[in-house]
PDB file of N, CA and C in Angstrom:
ATOM      1  N   MET A   1      11.398 -21.688  15.201  1.00  0.00           N
ATOM      2  CA  MET A   1      11.603 -20.595  14.350  1.00  0.00           C
ATOM      3  C   MET A   1      10.247 -20.964  13.031  1.00  0.00           C
ATOM      4  N   PRO A   2      10.014 -19.946  13.400  1.00  0.00           N
ATOM      5  CA  PRO A   2       8.537 -19.404  12.219  1.00  0.00           C
ATOM      6  C   PRO A   2       9.368 -19.286  11.152  1.00  0.00           C
ATOM      7  N   ILE A   3       9.477 -19.758   9.775  1.00  0.00           N
ATOM      8  CA  ILE A   3       9.535 -19.645   8.565  1.00  0.00           C
ATOM      9  C   ILE A   3       8.148 -19.671   7.402  1.00  0.00           C
ATOM     10  N   VAL A   4       8.371 -18.008   7.281  1.00  0.00           N
ATOM     11  CA  VAL A   4       7.458 -17.556   6.082  1.00  0.00           C
ATOM     12  C   VAL A   4       7.561 -18.039   5.119  1.00  0.00           C
ATOM     13  N   ASN A   5       7.227 -18.636   3.464  1.00  0.00           N
ATOM     14  CA  ASN A   5       7.392 -18.639   2.453  1.00  0.00           C
ATOM     15  C   ASN A   5       6.640 -17.941   1.544  1.00  0.00           C
ATOM     16  N   VAL A   6       6.693 -16.484   1.176  1.00  0.00           N
ATOM     17  CA  VAL A   6       5.823 -16.493  -0.167  1.00  0.00           C
ATOM     18  C   VAL A   6       6.023 -16.360  -1.359  1.00  0.00           C
ATOM     19  N   GLN A   7       5.077 -17.065  -1.509  1.00  0.00           N
ATOM     20  CA  GLN A   7       5.116 -17.117  -3.690  1.00  0.00           C
ATOM     21  C   GLN A   7       3.888 -15.767  -4.313  1.00  0.00           C
ATOM     22  N   MET A   8       5.055 -15.301  -5.211  1.00  0.00           N
ATOM     23  CA  MET A   8       4.338 -13.776  -5.486  1.00  0.00           C
ATOM     24  C   MET A   8       4.555 -13.890  -7.379  1.00  0.00           C
ATOM     25  N   PHE A   9       3.750 -13.278  -8.334  1.00  0.00           N
ATOM     26  CA  PHE A   9       4.993 -12.664  -9.031  1.00  0.00           C
ATOM     27  C   PHE A   9       5.362 -11.855  -9.278  1.00  0.00           C
ATOM     28  N   SER A  10       6.191 -12.035  -9.940  1.00  0.00           N
ATOM     29  CA  SER A  10       7.063 -10.874 -10.118  1.00  0.00           C
ATOM     30  C   SER A  10       6.755  -9.922 -10.207  1.00  0.00           C
ATOM     31  N   GLY A  11       7.731  -8.573  -9.956  1.00  0.00           N
ATOM     32  CA  GLY A  11       7.558  -7.243 -10.606  1.00  0.00           C
ATOM     33  C   GLY A  11       7.238  -6.014  -9.187  1.00  0.00           C
ATOM     34  N   ARG A  12       7.211  -7.215  -7.542  1.00  0.00           N
ATOM     35  CA  ARG A  12       7.106  -5.828  -7.093  1.00  0.00           C
ATOM     36  C   ARG A  12       8.408  -4.631  -6.121  1.00  0.00           C
ATOM     37  N   THR A  13       8.322  -4.173  -5.635  1.00  0.00           N
ATOM     38  CA  THR A  13       9.823  -3.049  -5.412  1.00  0.00           C
ATOM     39  C   THR A  13      10.058  -4.044  -4.192  1.00  0.00           C
ATOM     40  N   GLN A  14      11.431  -3.418  -4.407  1.00  0.00           N
ATOM     41  CA  GLN A  14      11.744  -4.314  -2.665  1.00  0.00           C
ATOM     42  C   GLN A  14      11.467  -3.212  -1.314  1.00  0.00           C
ATOM     43  N   LYS A  15      10.387  -2.480  -1.501  1.00  0.00           N
ATOM     44  CA  LYS A  15      10.128  -1.501  -0.448  1.00  0.00           C
ATOM     45  C   LYS A  15       9.225  -2.286  -0.221  1.00  0.00           C
ATOM     46  N   GLU A  16       7.585  -2.657  -1.850  1.00  0.00           N
ATOM     47  CA  GLU A  16       6.376  -3.249  -1.085  1.00  0.00           C
ATOM     48  C   GLU A  16       6.966  -4.659  -0.196  1.00  0.00           C
ATOM     49  N   LYS A  17       8.316  -5.500  -1.056  1.00  0.00           N
ATOM     50  CA  LYS A  17       8.437  -6.613  -0.314  1.00  0.00           C
ATOM     51  C   LYS A  17       9.090  -6.451   1.653  1.00  0.00           C
ATOM     52  N   ASP A  18      10.025  -5.275   1.803  1.00  0.00           N
ATOM     53  CA  ASP A  18      10.134  -4.886   2.947  1.00  0.00           C
ATOM     54  C   ASP A  18       8.629  -4.863   3.854  1.00  0.00           C
ATOM     55  N   ARG A  19       7.948  -3.986   3.673  1.00  0.00           N
ATOM     56  CA  ARG A  19       6.923  -3.554   3.934  1.00  0.00           C
ATOM     57  C   ARG A  19       6.208  -4.921   4.580  1.00  0.00           C
ATOM     58  N   LEU A  20       6.169  -5.572   3.606  1.00  0.00           N
ATOM     59  CA  LEU A  20       5.010  -7.242   3.669  1.00  0.00           C
ATOM     60  C   LEU A  20       6.122  -7.929   4.520  1.00  0.00           C
ATOM     61  N   ALA A  21       7.224  -7.982   4.649  1.00  0.00           N
ATOM     62  CA  ALA A  21       7.909  -9.094   5.988  1.00  0.00           C
ATOM     63  C   ALA A  21       7.811  -8.640   7.111  1.00  0.00           C
ATOM     64  N   GLU A  22       8.087  -6.519   7.222  1.00  0.00           N
ATOM     65  CA  GLU A  22       7.171  -6.381   8.134  1.00  0.00           C
ATOM     66  C   GLU A  22       6.338  -6.392   8.879  1.00  0.00           C
ATOM     67  N   ALA A  23       4.812  -6.702   8.230  1.00  0.00           N
ATOM     68  CA  ALA A  23       3.673  -7.006   8.415  1.00  0.00           C
ATOM     69  C   ALA A  23       4.221  -8.388   8.773  1.00  0.00           C
ATOM     70  N   ILE A  24       4.370  -9.102   8.272  1.00  0.00           N
ATOM     71  CA  ILE A  24       4.292 -10.353   8.529  1.00  0.00           C
ATOM     72  C   ILE A  24       4.833 -10.646   9.832  1.00  0.00           C
ATOM     73  N   THR A  25       6.088 -10.513   9.812  1.00  0.00           N
ATOM     74  CA  THR A  25       6.577 -10.879  11.305  1.00  0.00           C
ATOM     75  C   THR A  25       6.389 -10.178  12.341  1.00  0.00           C
ATOM     76  N   GLU A  26       5.736  -8.749  12.262  1.00  0.00           N
ATOM     77  CA  GLU A  26       4.897  -8.522  13.969  1.00  0.00           C
ATOM     78  C   GLU A  26       3.619  -9.293  13.816  1.00  0.00           C
ATOM     79  N   ASP A  27       3.059  -9.829  12.846  1.00  0.00           N
ATOM     80  CA  ASP A  27       1.442 -10.398  12.993  1.00  0.00           C
ATOM     81  C   ASP A  27       2.178 -11.864  13.957  1.00  0.00           C
ATOM     82  N   ILE A  28       3.192 -12.798  13.296  1.00  0.00           N
ATOM     83  CA  ILE A  28       4.006 -13.634  13.764  1.00  0.00           C
ATOM     84  C   ILE A  28       4.329 -13.294  15.109  1.00  0.00           C
ATOM     85  N   VAL A  29       5.236 -12.227  15.265  1.00  0.00           N
ATOM     86  CA  VAL A  29       5.080 -11.949  16.761  1.00  0.00           C
ATOM     87  C   VAL A  29       4.524 -12.355  18.013  1.00  0.00           C
ATOM     88  N   LYS A  30       3.335 -11.373  17.419  1.00  0.00           N
ATOM     89  CA  LYS A  30       1.844 -11.133  18.062  1.00  0.00           C
ATOM     90  C   LYS A  30       1.786 -12.604  18.448  1.00  0.00           C
ATOM     91  N   ILE A  31       1.224 -13.601  17.676  1.00  0.00           N
ATOM     92  CA  ILE A  31       0.313 -14.763  18.085  1.00  0.00           C
ATOM     93  C   ILE A  31       0.794 -16.161  17.830  1.00  0.00           C
ATOM     94  N   LEU A  32       2.533 -15.492  17.456  1.00  0.00           N
ATOM     95  CA  LEU A  32       3.263 -17.023  18.319  1.00  0.00           C
ATOM     96  C   LEU A  32       3.837 -17.129  19.496  1.00  0.00           C
ATOM     97  N   GLU A  33       4.196 -15.401  19.789  1.00  0.00           N
ATOM     98  CA  GLU A  33       5.180 -14.626  20.561  1.00  0.00           C
ATOM     99  C   GLU A  33       6.147 -15.462  21.445  1.00  0.00           C
ATOM    100  N   VAL A  34       7.176 -15.231  19.929  1.00  0.00           N
ATOM    101  CA  VAL A  34       8.278 -15.408  19.818  1.00  0.00           C
ATOM    102  C   VAL A  34       8.990 -13.853  19.146  1.00  0.00           C
ATOM    103  N   THR A  35      10.258 -13.502  19.265  1.00  0.00           N
ATOM    104  CA  THR A  35      10.964 -12.845  18.387  1.00  0.00           C
ATOM    105  C   THR A  35      11.215 -12.453  17.560  1.00  0.00           C
ATOM    106  N   LYS A  36      11.388 -11.352  17.613  1.00  0.00           N
ATOM    107  CA  LYS A  36      11.502 -10.891  15.630  1.00  0.00           C
ATOM    108  C   LYS A  36      12.861 -11.387  14.593  1.00  0.00           C
ATOM    109  N   GLU A  37      13.329 -11.750  16.202  1.00  0.00           N
ATOM    110  CA  GLU A  37      14.627 -12.635  15.526  1.00  0.00           C
ATOM    111  C   GLU A  37      15.136 -13.757  15.023  1.00  0.00           C
ATOM    112  N   GLU A  38      13.433 -14.619  15.214  1.00  0.00           N
ATOM    113  CA  GLU A  38      13.930 -15.590  15.051  1.00  0.00           C
ATOM    114  C   GLU A  38      12.337 -15.690  13.694  1.00  0.00           C
ATOM    115  N   VAL A  39      11.430 -14.968  12.756  1.00  0.00           N
ATOM    116  CA  VAL A  39      11.205 -14.976  12.224  1.00  0.00           C
ATOM    117  C   VAL A  39      11.915 -15.131  10.648  1.00  0.00           C
ATOM    118  N   ILE A  40      11.588 -15.789  10.116  1.00  0.00           N
ATOM    119  CA  ILE A  40      12.196 -15.910   8.467  1.00  0.00           C
ATOM    120  C   ILE A  40      11.032 -15.879   7.583  1.00  0.00           C
ATOM    121  N   VAL A  41      11.430 -14.323   6.391  1.00  0.00           N
ATOM    122  CA  VAL A  41      10.896 -14.619   5.492  1.00  0.00           C
ATOM    123  C   VAL A  41      11.190 -14.777   4.826  1.00  0.00           C
ATOM    124  N   VAL A  42      10.433 -15.624   3.812  1.00  0.00           N
ATOM    125  CA  VAL A  42      11.004 -15.962   2.564  1.00  0.00           C
ATOM    126  C   VAL A  42      10.142 -15.564   1.072  1.00  0.00           C
ATOM    127  N   PHE A  43      10.876 -14.701  -0.309  1.00  0.00           N
ATOM    128  CA  PHE A  43       9.584 -14.455  -0.556  1.00  0.00           C
ATOM    129  C   PHE A  43      10.661 -15.207  -2.460  1.00  0.00           C
ATOM    130  N   THR A  44       9.264 -15.882  -3.223  1.00  0.00           N
ATOM    131  CA  THR A  44       9.691 -16.665  -4.423  1.00  0.00           C
ATOM    132  C   THR A  44       8.930 -15.682  -5.590  1.00  0.00           C
ATOM    133  N   GLU A  45       9.546 -14.717  -6.236  1.00  0.00           N
ATOM    134  CA  GLU A  45       9.341 -14.663  -7.235  1.00  0.00           C
ATOM    135  C   GLU A  45       8.921 -15.288  -9.232  1.00  0.00           C
ATOM    136  N   GLU A  46       7.833 -15.417  -8.913  1.00  0.00           N
ATOM    137  CA  GLU A  46       8.251 -16.190 -10.320  1.00  0.00           C
ATOM    138  C   GLU A  46       7.046 -15.145 -11.681  1.00  0.00           C
ATOM    139  N   PRO A  47       7.550 -15.163 -12.873  1.00  0.00           N
ATOM    140  CA  PRO A  47       7.180 -14.402 -14.133  1.00  0.00           C
ATOM    141  C   PRO A  47       5.656 -14.994 -14.333  1.00  0.00           C
ATOM    142  N   HIS A  48       4.502 -14.257 -14.635  1.00  0.00           N
ATOM    143  CA  HIS A  48       2.960 -14.572 -14.429  1.00  0.00           C
ATOM    144  C   HIS A  48       2.833 -15.539 -15.444  1.00  0.00           C
ATOM    145  N   GLY A  49       3.713 -15.852 -16.852  1.00  0.00           N
ATOM    146  CA  GLY A  49       3.538 -17.109 -17.591  1.00  0.00           C
ATOM    147  C   GLY A  49       3.947 -18.558 -16.889  1.00  0.00           C
ATOM    148  N   ASN A  50       4.635 -18.547 -15.704  1.00  0.00           N
ATOM    149  CA  ASN A  50       4.678 -19.982 -15.174  1.00  0.00           C
ATOM    150  C   ASN A  50       3.363 -19.835 -13.761  1.00  0.00           C
ATOM    151  N   TRP A  51       2.282 -19.166 -13.496  1.00  0.00           N
ATOM    152  CA  TRP A  51       1.330 -20.132 -12.770  1.00  0.00           C
ATOM    153  C   TRP A  51       0.435 -20.131 -13.775  1.00  0.00           C
ATOM    154  N   TYR A  52      -0.170 -21.529 -12.949  1.00  0.00           N
ATOM    155  CA  TYR A  52      -1.386 -21.774 -13.719  1.00  0.00           C
ATOM    156  C   TYR A  52      -2.860 -21.969 -12.841  1.00  0.00           C
ATOM    157  N   ALA A  53      -3.339 -22.038 -13.186  1.00  0.00           N
ATOM    158  CA  ALA A  53      -4.923 -22.071 -12.477  1.00  0.00           C
ATOM    159  C   ALA A  53      -5.941 -23.030 -12.687  1.00  0.00           C
ATOM    160  N   SER A  54      -6.497 -24.286 -12.427  1.00  0.00           N
ATOM    161  CA  SER A  54      -7.616 -24.655 -13.439  1.00  0.00           C
ATOM    162  C   SER A  54      -7.090 -24.563 -15.271  1.00  0.00           C
ATOM    163  N   GLY A  55      -5.970 -25.225 -15.089  1.00  0.00           N
ATOM    164  CA  GLY A  55      -4.998 -25.086 -16.545  1.00  0.00           C
ATOM    165  C   GLY A  55      -4.920 -24.024 -16.907  1.00  0.00           C
ATOM    166  N   VAL A  56      -5.188 -22.605 -17.478  1.00  0.00           N
ATOM    167  CA  VAL A  56      -5.323 -21.880 -17.430  1.00  0.00           C
ATOM    168  C   VAL A  56      -4.325 -21.201 -16.996  1.00  0.00           C
ATOM    169  N   ARG A  57      -3.588 -20.715 -17.798  1.00  0.00           N
ATOM    170  CA  ARG A  57      -2.011 -20.019 -17.636  1.00  0.00           C
ATOM    171  C   ARG A  57      -2.410 -18.185 -17.362  1.00  0.00           C
ATOM    172  N   LEU A  58      -1.983 -17.433 -15.514  1.00  0.00           N
ATOM    173  CA  LEU A  58      -2.709 -16.749 -15.291  1.00  0.00           C
ATOM    174  C   LEU A  58      -1.879 -15.281 -15.555  1.00  0.00           C
TER     175      LEU A  58
END
């Protein structure tokens, strides 16, 4: 059972997340040859102030 974790900044609409989950699921089904019922996509959203790169807040 493939489980995909997507971490991103908060603020995307539910429609955008739905479309992204559908696209990710479609690709996993094609590449790993599993059914779409086996694929789980989990979104973790955090505010911009919680992300840093090279010690600098994004």
